Amino acid sequence: MVTPQQIEGYLNEKLSCEHLAVDGDGAHFEAVIVSAAFEGKTRVARHQIVYGALGDRMREEIHALSMKTLTPAEWSASQS
């Protein structure tokens, strides 16, 4: 069973994140991912970047992943 920490590790290997938090129960996960790679991208394109970073793990290990994908500026604005 995959852990939230493993998912964080998988994402950090392939995606430069300013902030990354993953929570879950081994099958269903929620993530907040803040990356400059999302600049100028639609929400769908952002999710595709994350799916690309996770690769086959999305089919084999991770049953469901709900995510918030934010740019550093969006993250900063949401914290105030």
PDB file of N, CA and C in Angstrom:
ATOM      1  N   MET A   1       0.849  -1.180   0.000  1.00  0.00           N
ATOM      2  CA  MET A   1       0.000   0.000   0.000  1.00  0.00           C
ATOM      3  C   MET A   1       0.897   1.247   0.000  1.00  0.00           C
ATOM      4  N   VAL A   2       0.592   2.164  -0.887  1.00  0.00           N
ATOM      5  CA  VAL A   2       1.368   3.393  -1.016  1.00  0.00           C
ATOM      6  C   VAL A   2       0.972   4.382   0.092  1.00  0.00           C
ATOM      7  N   THR A   3       1.944   5.163   0.543  1.00  0.00           N
ATOM      8  CA  THR A   3       1.701   6.143   1.599  1.00  0.00           C
ATOM      9  C   THR A   3       1.742   7.560   1.023  1.00  0.00           C
ATOM     10  N   PRO A   4       1.165   8.531   1.739  1.00  0.00           N
ATOM     11  CA  PRO A   4       1.268   9.921   1.300  1.00  0.00           C
ATOM     12  C   PRO A   4       2.720  10.368   1.132  1.00  0.00           C
ATOM     13  N   GLN A   5       3.604   9.901   2.009  1.00  0.00           N
ATOM     14  CA  GLN A   5       5.009  10.275   1.928  1.00  0.00           C
ATOM     15  C   GLN A   5       5.655   9.740   0.653  1.00  0.00           C
ATOM     16  N   GLN A   6       5.260   8.544   0.238  1.00  0.00           N
ATOM     17  CA  GLN A   6       5.794   7.990  -1.010  1.00  0.00           C
ATOM     18  C   GLN A   6       5.332   8.821  -2.204  1.00  0.00           C
ATOM     19  N   ILE A   7       4.076   9.222  -2.202  1.00  0.00           N
ATOM     20  CA  ILE A   7       3.570  10.052  -3.303  1.00  0.00           C
ATOM     21  C   ILE A   7       4.331  11.374  -3.337  1.00  0.00           C
ATOM     22  N   GLU A   8       4.566  11.970  -2.181  1.00  0.00           N
ATOM     23  CA  GLU A   8       5.365  13.196  -2.136  1.00  0.00           C
ATOM     24  C   GLU A   8       6.740  12.958  -2.742  1.00  0.00           C
ATOM     25  N   GLY A   9       7.344  11.838  -2.410  1.00  0.00           N
ATOM     26  CA  GLY A   9       8.651  11.505  -2.964  1.00  0.00           C
ATOM     27  C   GLY A   9       8.611  11.335  -4.469  1.00  0.00           C
ATOM     28  N   TYR A  10       7.601  10.630  -4.971  1.00  0.00           N
ATOM     29  CA  TYR A  10       7.456  10.441  -6.416  1.00  0.00           C
ATOM     30  C   TYR A  10       7.338  11.792  -7.123  1.00  0.00           C
ATOM     31  N   LEU A  11       6.517  12.678  -6.550  1.00  0.00           N
ATOM     32  CA  LEU A  11       6.316  13.990  -7.180  1.00  0.00           C
ATOM     33  C   LEU A  11       7.585  14.837  -7.114  1.00  0.00           C
ATOM     34  N   ASN A  12       8.258  14.816  -5.987  1.00  0.00           N
ATOM     35  CA  ASN A  12       9.487  15.606  -5.848  1.00  0.00           C
ATOM     36  C   ASN A  12      10.592  15.151  -6.793  1.00  0.00           C
ATOM     37  N   GLU A  13      10.582  13.868  -7.177  1.00  0.00           N
ATOM     38  CA  GLU A  13      11.579  13.357  -8.127  1.00  0.00           C
ATOM     39  C   GLU A  13      11.422  13.981  -9.508  1.00  0.00           C
ATOM     40  N   LYS A  14      10.182  14.275  -9.904  1.00  0.00           N
ATOM     41  CA  LYS A  14       9.898  14.696 -11.280  1.00  0.00           C
ATOM     42  C   LYS A  14       9.414  16.131 -11.423  1.00  0.00           C
ATOM     43  N   LEU A  15       9.035  16.766 -10.317  1.00  0.00           N
ATOM     44  CA  LEU A  15       8.415  18.081 -10.380  1.00  0.00           C
ATOM     45  C   LEU A  15       8.981  18.962  -9.275  1.00  0.00           C
ATOM     46  N   SER A  16       9.454  20.128  -9.650  1.00  0.00           N
ATOM     47  CA  SER A  16       9.973  21.071  -8.657  1.00  0.00           C
ATOM     48  C   SER A  16       8.788  21.755  -7.978  1.00  0.00           C
ATOM     49  N   CYS A  17       8.649  21.522  -6.681  1.00  0.00           N
ATOM     50  CA  CYS A  17       7.504  22.050  -5.933  1.00  0.00           C
ATOM     51  C   CYS A  17       7.959  23.036  -4.868  1.00  0.00           C
ATOM     52  N   GLU A  18       7.286  24.164  -4.801  1.00  0.00           N
ATOM     53  CA  GLU A  18       7.541  25.130  -3.731  1.00  0.00           C
ATOM     54  C   GLU A  18       6.840  24.699  -2.446  1.00  0.00           C
ATOM     55  N   HIS A  19       5.719  23.999  -2.613  1.00  0.00           N
ATOM     56  CA  HIS A  19       4.972  23.446  -1.476  1.00  0.00           C
ATOM     57  C   HIS A  19       4.307  22.168  -1.958  1.00  0.00           C
ATOM     58  N   LEU A  20       4.306  21.164  -1.111  1.00  0.00           N
ATOM     59  CA  LEU A  20       3.687  19.893  -1.461  1.00  0.00           C
ATOM     60  C   LEU A  20       3.186  19.243  -0.181  1.00  0.00           C
ATOM     61  N   ALA A  21       1.890  18.943  -0.160  1.00  0.00           N
ATOM     62  CA  ALA A  21       1.294  18.259   0.988  1.00  0.00           C
ATOM     63  C   ALA A  21       0.336  17.201   0.461  1.00  0.00           C
ATOM     64  N   VAL A  22       0.534  15.961   0.884  1.00  0.00           N
ATOM     65  CA  VAL A  22      -0.323  14.856   0.463  1.00  0.00           C
ATOM     66  C   VAL A  22      -0.873  14.175   1.708  1.00  0.00           C
ATOM     67  N   ASP A  23      -2.164  13.882   1.675  1.00  0.00           N
ATOM     68  CA  ASP A  23      -2.816  13.166   2.766  1.00  0.00           C
ATOM     69  C   ASP A  23      -3.650  12.054   2.138  1.00  0.00           C
ATOM     70  N   GLY A  24      -3.827  10.955   2.847  1.00  0.00           N
ATOM     71  CA  GLY A  24      -4.644   9.885   2.302  1.00  0.00           C
ATOM     72  C   GLY A  24      -4.606   8.633   3.130  1.00  0.00           C
ATOM     73  N   ASP A  25      -5.395   7.654   2.669  1.00  0.00           N
ATOM     74  CA  ASP A  25      -5.594   6.427   3.428  1.00  0.00           C
ATOM     75  C   ASP A  25      -4.994   5.184   2.779  1.00  0.00           C
ATOM     76  N   GLY A  26      -4.178   5.359   1.754  1.00  0.00           N
ATOM     77  CA  GLY A  26      -3.578   4.217   1.086  1.00  0.00           C
ATOM     78  C   GLY A  26      -4.177   3.945  -0.280  1.00  0.00           C
ATOM     79  N   ALA A  27      -5.379   4.441  -0.522  1.00  0.00           N
ATOM     80  CA  ALA A  27      -6.016   4.275  -1.835  1.00  0.00           C
ATOM     81  C   ALA A  27      -6.502   5.612  -2.382  1.00  0.00           C
ATOM     82  N   HIS A  28      -7.064   6.435  -1.512  1.00  0.00           N
ATOM     83  CA  HIS A  28      -7.582   7.747  -1.893  1.00  0.00           C
ATOM     84  C   HIS A  28      -6.710   8.824  -1.255  1.00  0.00           C
ATOM     85  N   PHE A  29      -6.298   9.782  -2.086  1.00  0.00           N
ATOM     86  CA  PHE A  29      -5.372  10.802  -1.617  1.00  0.00           C
ATOM     87  C   PHE A  29      -5.839  12.197  -2.028  1.00  0.00           C
ATOM     88  N   GLU A  30      -5.413  13.181  -1.229  1.00  0.00           N
ATOM     89  CA  GLU A  30      -5.626  14.588  -1.533  1.00  0.00           C
ATOM     90  C   GLU A  30      -4.266  15.261  -1.511  1.00  0.00           C
ATOM     91  N   ALA A  31      -4.023  16.136  -2.480  1.00  0.00           N
ATOM     92  CA  ALA A  31      -2.728  16.805  -2.560  1.00  0.00           C
ATOM     93  C   ALA A  31      -2.899  18.281  -2.848  1.00  0.00           C
ATOM     94  N   VAL A  32      -2.030  19.071  -2.232  1.00  0.00           N
ATOM     95  CA  VAL A  32      -1.871  20.483  -2.573  1.00  0.00           C
ATOM     96  C   VAL A  32      -0.469  20.597  -3.154  1.00  0.00           C
ATOM     97  N   ILE A  33      -0.403  21.006  -4.414  1.00  0.00           N
ATOM     98  CA  ILE A  33       0.867  21.041  -5.133  1.00  0.00           C
ATOM     99  C   ILE A  33       1.085  22.445  -5.666  1.00  0.00           C
ATOM    100  N   VAL A  34       2.173  23.067  -5.241  1.00  0.00           N
ATOM    101  CA  VAL A  34       2.506  24.425  -5.678  1.00  0.00           C
ATOM    102  C   VAL A  34       3.797  24.349  -6.481  1.00  0.00           C
ATOM    103  N   SER A  35       3.710  24.763  -7.755  1.00  0.00           N
ATOM    104  CA  SER A  35       4.878  24.669  -8.629  1.00  0.00           C
ATOM    105  C   SER A  35       4.855  25.764  -9.681  1.00  0.00           C
ATOM    106  N   ALA A  36       6.023  26.309  -9.975  1.00  0.00           N
ATOM    107  CA  ALA A  36       6.153  27.289 -11.056  1.00  0.00           C
ATOM    108  C   ALA A  36       5.861  26.642 -12.410  1.00  0.00           C
ATOM    109  N   ALA A  37       5.940  25.317 -12.487  1.00  0.00           N
ATOM    110  CA  ALA A  37       5.642  24.609 -13.736  1.00  0.00           C
ATOM    111  C   ALA A  37       4.192  24.801 -14.168  1.00  0.00           C
ATOM    112  N   PHE A  38       3.336  25.247 -13.242  1.00  0.00           N
ATOM    113  CA  PHE A  38       1.918  25.436 -13.556  1.00  0.00           C
ATOM    114  C   PHE A  38       1.621  26.816 -14.150  1.00  0.00           C
ATOM    115  N   GLU A  39       2.615  27.706 -14.172  1.00  0.00           N
ATOM    116  CA  GLU A  39       2.406  29.059 -14.696  1.00  0.00           C
ATOM    117  C   GLU A  39       1.845  29.010 -16.113  1.00  0.00           C
ATOM    118  N   GLY A  40       0.747  29.732 -16.334  1.00  0.00           N
ATOM    119  CA  GLY A  40       0.163  29.844 -17.664  1.00  0.00           C
ATOM    120  C   GLY A  40      -0.566  28.609 -18.154  1.00  0.00           C
ATOM    121  N   LYS A  41      -0.739  27.616 -17.294  1.00  0.00           N
ATOM    122  CA  LYS A  41      -1.382  26.362 -17.687  1.00  0.00           C
ATOM    123  C   LYS A  41      -2.825  26.312 -17.173  1.00  0.00           C
ATOM    124  N   THR A  42      -3.684  25.650 -17.933  1.00  0.00           N
ATOM    125  CA  THR A  42      -5.050  25.415 -17.484  1.00  0.00           C
ATOM    126  C   THR A  42      -5.040  24.376 -16.364  1.00  0.00           C
ATOM    127  N   ARG A  43      -6.160  24.242 -15.675  1.00  0.00           N
ATOM    128  CA  ARG A  43      -6.249  23.238 -14.616  1.00  0.00           C
ATOM    129  C   ARG A  43      -6.030  21.831 -15.182  1.00  0.00           C
ATOM    130  N   VAL A  44      -6.584  21.561 -16.352  1.00  0.00           N
ATOM    131  CA  VAL A  44      -6.398  20.246 -16.970  1.00  0.00           C
ATOM    132  C   VAL A  44      -4.924  20.002 -17.282  1.00  0.00           C
ATOM    133  N   ALA A  45      -4.246  20.999 -17.846  1.00  0.00           N
ATOM    134  CA  ALA A  45      -2.820  20.855 -18.164  1.00  0.00           C
ATOM    135  C   ALA A  45      -1.994  20.658 -16.895  1.00  0.00           C
ATOM    136  N   ARG A  46      -2.361  21.332 -15.828  1.00  0.00           N
ATOM    137  CA  ARG A  46      -1.658  21.167 -14.551  1.00  0.00           C
ATOM    138  C   ARG A  46      -1.802  19.731 -14.051  1.00  0.00           C
ATOM    139  N   HIS A  47      -3.021  19.205 -14.120  1.00  0.00           N
ATOM    140  CA  HIS A  47      -3.259  17.837 -13.670  1.00  0.00           C
ATOM    141  C   HIS A  47      -2.492  16.850 -14.543  1.00  0.00           C
ATOM    142  N   GLN A  48      -2.407  17.134 -15.835  1.00  0.00           N
ATOM    143  CA  GLN A  48      -1.639  16.261 -16.725  1.00  0.00           C
ATOM    144  C   GLN A  48      -0.160  16.248 -16.347  1.00  0.00           C
ATOM    145  N   ILE A  49       0.369  17.383 -15.917  1.00  0.00           N
ATOM    146  CA  ILE A  49       1.754  17.446 -15.455  1.00  0.00           C
ATOM    147  C   ILE A  49       1.947  16.524 -14.244  1.00  0.00           C
ATOM    148  N   VAL A  50       1.002  16.584 -13.309  1.00  0.00           N
ATOM    149  CA  VAL A  50       1.083  15.741 -12.110  1.00  0.00           C
ATOM    150  C   VAL A  50       0.959  14.270 -12.489  1.00  0.00           C
ATOM    151  N   TYR A  51      -0.012  13.940 -13.340  1.00  0.00           N
ATOM    152  CA  TYR A  51      -0.168  12.543 -13.778  1.00  0.00           C
ATOM    153  C   TYR A  51       1.093  12.059 -14.484  1.00  0.00           C
ATOM    154  N   GLY A  52       1.710  12.922 -15.282  1.00  0.00           N
ATOM    155  CA  GLY A  52       2.949  12.561 -15.952  1.00  0.00           C
ATOM    156  C   GLY A  52       4.065  12.284 -14.959  1.00  0.00           C
ATOM    157  N   ALA A  53       4.123  13.078 -13.893  1.00  0.00           N
ATOM    158  CA  ALA A  53       5.151  12.866 -12.870  1.00  0.00           C
ATOM    159  C   ALA A  53       4.934  11.544 -12.130  1.00  0.00           C
ATOM    160  N   LEU A  54       3.688  11.163 -11.952  1.00  0.00           N
ATOM    161  CA  LEU A  54       3.387   9.920 -11.235  1.00  0.00           C
ATOM    162  C   LEU A  54       3.444   8.693 -12.151  1.00  0.00           C
ATOM    163  N   GLY A  55       3.294   8.905 -13.442  1.00  0.00           N
ATOM    164  CA  GLY A  55       3.404   7.822 -14.414  1.00  0.00           C
ATOM    165  C   GLY A  55       2.443   6.670 -14.152  1.00  0.00           C
ATOM    166  N   ASP A  56       2.946   5.452 -14.305  1.00  0.00           N
ATOM    167  CA  ASP A  56       2.120   4.253 -14.160  1.00  0.00           C
ATOM    168  C   ASP A  56       1.587   4.053 -12.745  1.00  0.00           C
ATOM    169  N   ARG A  57       2.150   4.753 -11.796  1.00  0.00           N
ATOM    170  CA  ARG A  57       1.674   4.617 -10.409  1.00  0.00           C
ATOM    171  C   ARG A  57       0.202   5.008 -10.292  1.00  0.00           C
ATOM    172  N   MET A  58      -0.258   5.915 -11.183  1.00  0.00           N
ATOM    173  CA  MET A  58      -1.667   6.321 -11.142  1.00  0.00           C
ATOM    174  C   MET A  58      -2.583   5.153 -11.492  1.00  0.00           C
ATOM    175  N   ARG A  59      -2.117   4.206 -12.246  1.00  0.00           N
ATOM    176  CA  ARG A  59      -2.934   3.043 -12.589  1.00  0.00           C
ATOM    177  C   ARG A  59      -2.702   1.886 -11.641  1.00  0.00           C
ATOM    178  N   GLU A  60      -1.481   1.760 -11.161  1.00  0.00           N
ATOM    179  CA  GLU A  60      -1.117   0.564 -10.409  1.00  0.00           C
ATOM    180  C   GLU A  60      -1.205   0.720  -8.899  1.00  0.00           C
ATOM    181  N   GLU A  61      -0.841   1.880  -8.366  1.00  0.00           N
ATOM    182  CA  GLU A  61      -0.748   2.035  -6.911  1.00  0.00           C
ATOM    183  C   GLU A  61      -1.766   3.008  -6.324  1.00  0.00           C
ATOM    184  N   ILE A  62      -2.116   4.036  -7.077  1.00  0.00           N
ATOM    185  CA  ILE A  62      -2.954   5.113  -6.549  1.00  0.00           C
ATOM    186  C   ILE A  62      -4.344   4.991  -7.159  1.00  0.00           C
ATOM    187  N   HIS A  63      -5.329   4.730  -6.311  1.00  0.00           N
ATOM    188  CA  HIS A  63      -6.694   4.545  -6.802  1.00  0.00           C
ATOM    189  C   HIS A  63      -7.328   5.883  -7.179  1.00  0.00           C
ATOM    190  N   ALA A  64      -7.164   6.885  -6.326  1.00  0.00           N
ATOM    191  CA  ALA A  64      -7.775   8.193  -6.590  1.00  0.00           C
ATOM    192  C   ALA A  64      -6.901   9.292  -5.996  1.00  0.00           C
ATOM    193  N   LEU A  65      -6.759  10.367  -6.755  1.00  0.00           N
ATOM    194  CA  LEU A  65      -5.972  11.511  -6.291  1.00  0.00           C
ATOM    195  C   LEU A  65      -6.742  12.791  -6.598  1.00  0.00           C
ATOM    196  N   SER A  66      -7.159  13.470  -5.556  1.00  0.00           N
ATOM    197  CA  SER A  66      -7.788  14.774  -5.677  1.00  0.00           C
ATOM    198  C   SER A  66      -6.693  15.800  -5.447  1.00  0.00           C
ATOM    199  N   MET A  67      -6.612  16.808  -6.299  1.00  0.00           N
ATOM    200  CA  MET A  67      -5.497  17.735  -6.145  1.00  0.00           C
ATOM    201  C   MET A  67      -5.883  19.174  -6.388  1.00  0.00           C
ATOM    202  N   LYS A  68      -5.187  20.050  -5.653  1.00  0.00           N
ATOM    203  CA  LYS A  68      -5.191  21.483  -5.900  1.00  0.00           C
ATOM    204  C   LYS A  68      -3.823  21.790  -6.480  1.00  0.00           C
ATOM    205  N   THR A  69      -3.802  22.365  -7.659  1.00  0.00           N
ATOM    206  CA  THR A  69      -2.544  22.700  -8.318  1.00  0.00           C
ATOM    207  C   THR A  69      -2.468  24.217  -8.441  1.00  0.00           C
ATOM    208  N   LEU A  70      -1.490  24.798  -7.790  1.00  0.00           N
ATOM    209  CA  LEU A  70      -1.376  26.254  -7.724  1.00  0.00           C
ATOM    210  C   LEU A  70       0.009  26.722  -8.135  1.00  0.00           C
ATOM    211  N   THR A  71       0.050  27.918  -8.700  1.00  0.00           N
ATOM    212  CA  THR A  71       1.339  28.570  -8.942  1.00  0.00           C
ATOM    213  C   THR A  71       1.795  29.175  -7.613  1.00  0.00           C
ATOM    214  N   PRO A  72       3.068  29.535  -7.500  1.00  0.00           N
ATOM    215  CA  PRO A  72       3.512  30.172  -6.258  1.00  0.00           C
ATOM    216  C   PRO A  72       2.727  31.457  -5.935  1.00  0.00           C
ATOM    217  N   ALA A  73       2.384  32.237  -6.948  1.00  0.00           N
ATOM    218  CA  ALA A  73       1.620  33.475  -6.718  1.00  0.00           C
ATOM    219  C   ALA A  73       0.201  33.157  -6.224  1.00  0.00           C
ATOM    220  N   GLU A  74      -0.428  32.135  -6.798  1.00  0.00           N
ATOM    221  CA  GLU A  74      -1.769  31.735  -6.350  1.00  0.00           C
ATOM    222  C   GLU A  74      -1.716  31.220  -4.922  1.00  0.00           C
ATOM    223  N   TRP A  75      -0.693  30.456  -4.593  1.00  0.00           N
ATOM    224  CA  TRP A  75      -0.529  29.922  -3.240  1.00  0.00           C
ATOM    225  C   TRP A  75      -0.339  31.065  -2.248  1.00  0.00           C
ATOM    226  N   SER A  76       0.524  32.012  -2.611  1.00  0.00           N
ATOM    227  CA  SER A  76       0.775  33.145  -1.736  1.00  0.00           C
ATOM    228  C   SER A  76      -0.495  33.945  -1.494  1.00  0.00           C
ATOM    229  N   ALA A  77      -1.277  34.174  -2.535  1.00  0.00           N
ATOM    230  CA  ALA A  77      -2.517  34.927  -2.400  1.00  0.00           C
ATOM    231  C   ALA A  77      -3.536  34.178  -1.544  1.00  0.00           C
ATOM    232  N   SER A  78      -3.548  32.854  -1.624  1.00  0.00           N
ATOM    233  CA  SER A  78      -4.499  32.068  -0.855  1.00  0.00           C
ATOM    234  C   SER A  78      -4.138  32.010   0.635  1.00  0.00           C
ATOM    235  N   GLN A  79      -2.890  32.319   0.970  1.00  0.00           N
ATOM    236  CA  GLN A  79      -2.429  32.264   2.356  1.00  0.00           C
ATOM    237  C   GLN A  79      -2.688  33.563   3.117  1.00  0.00           C
ATOM    238  N   SER A  80      -3.069  34.629   2.385  1.00  0.00           N
ATOM    239  CA  SER A  80      -3.280  35.911   3.081  1.00  0.00           C
ATOM    240  C   SER A  80      -4.720  36.131   3.455  1.00  0.00           C
TER     241      SER A  80
END
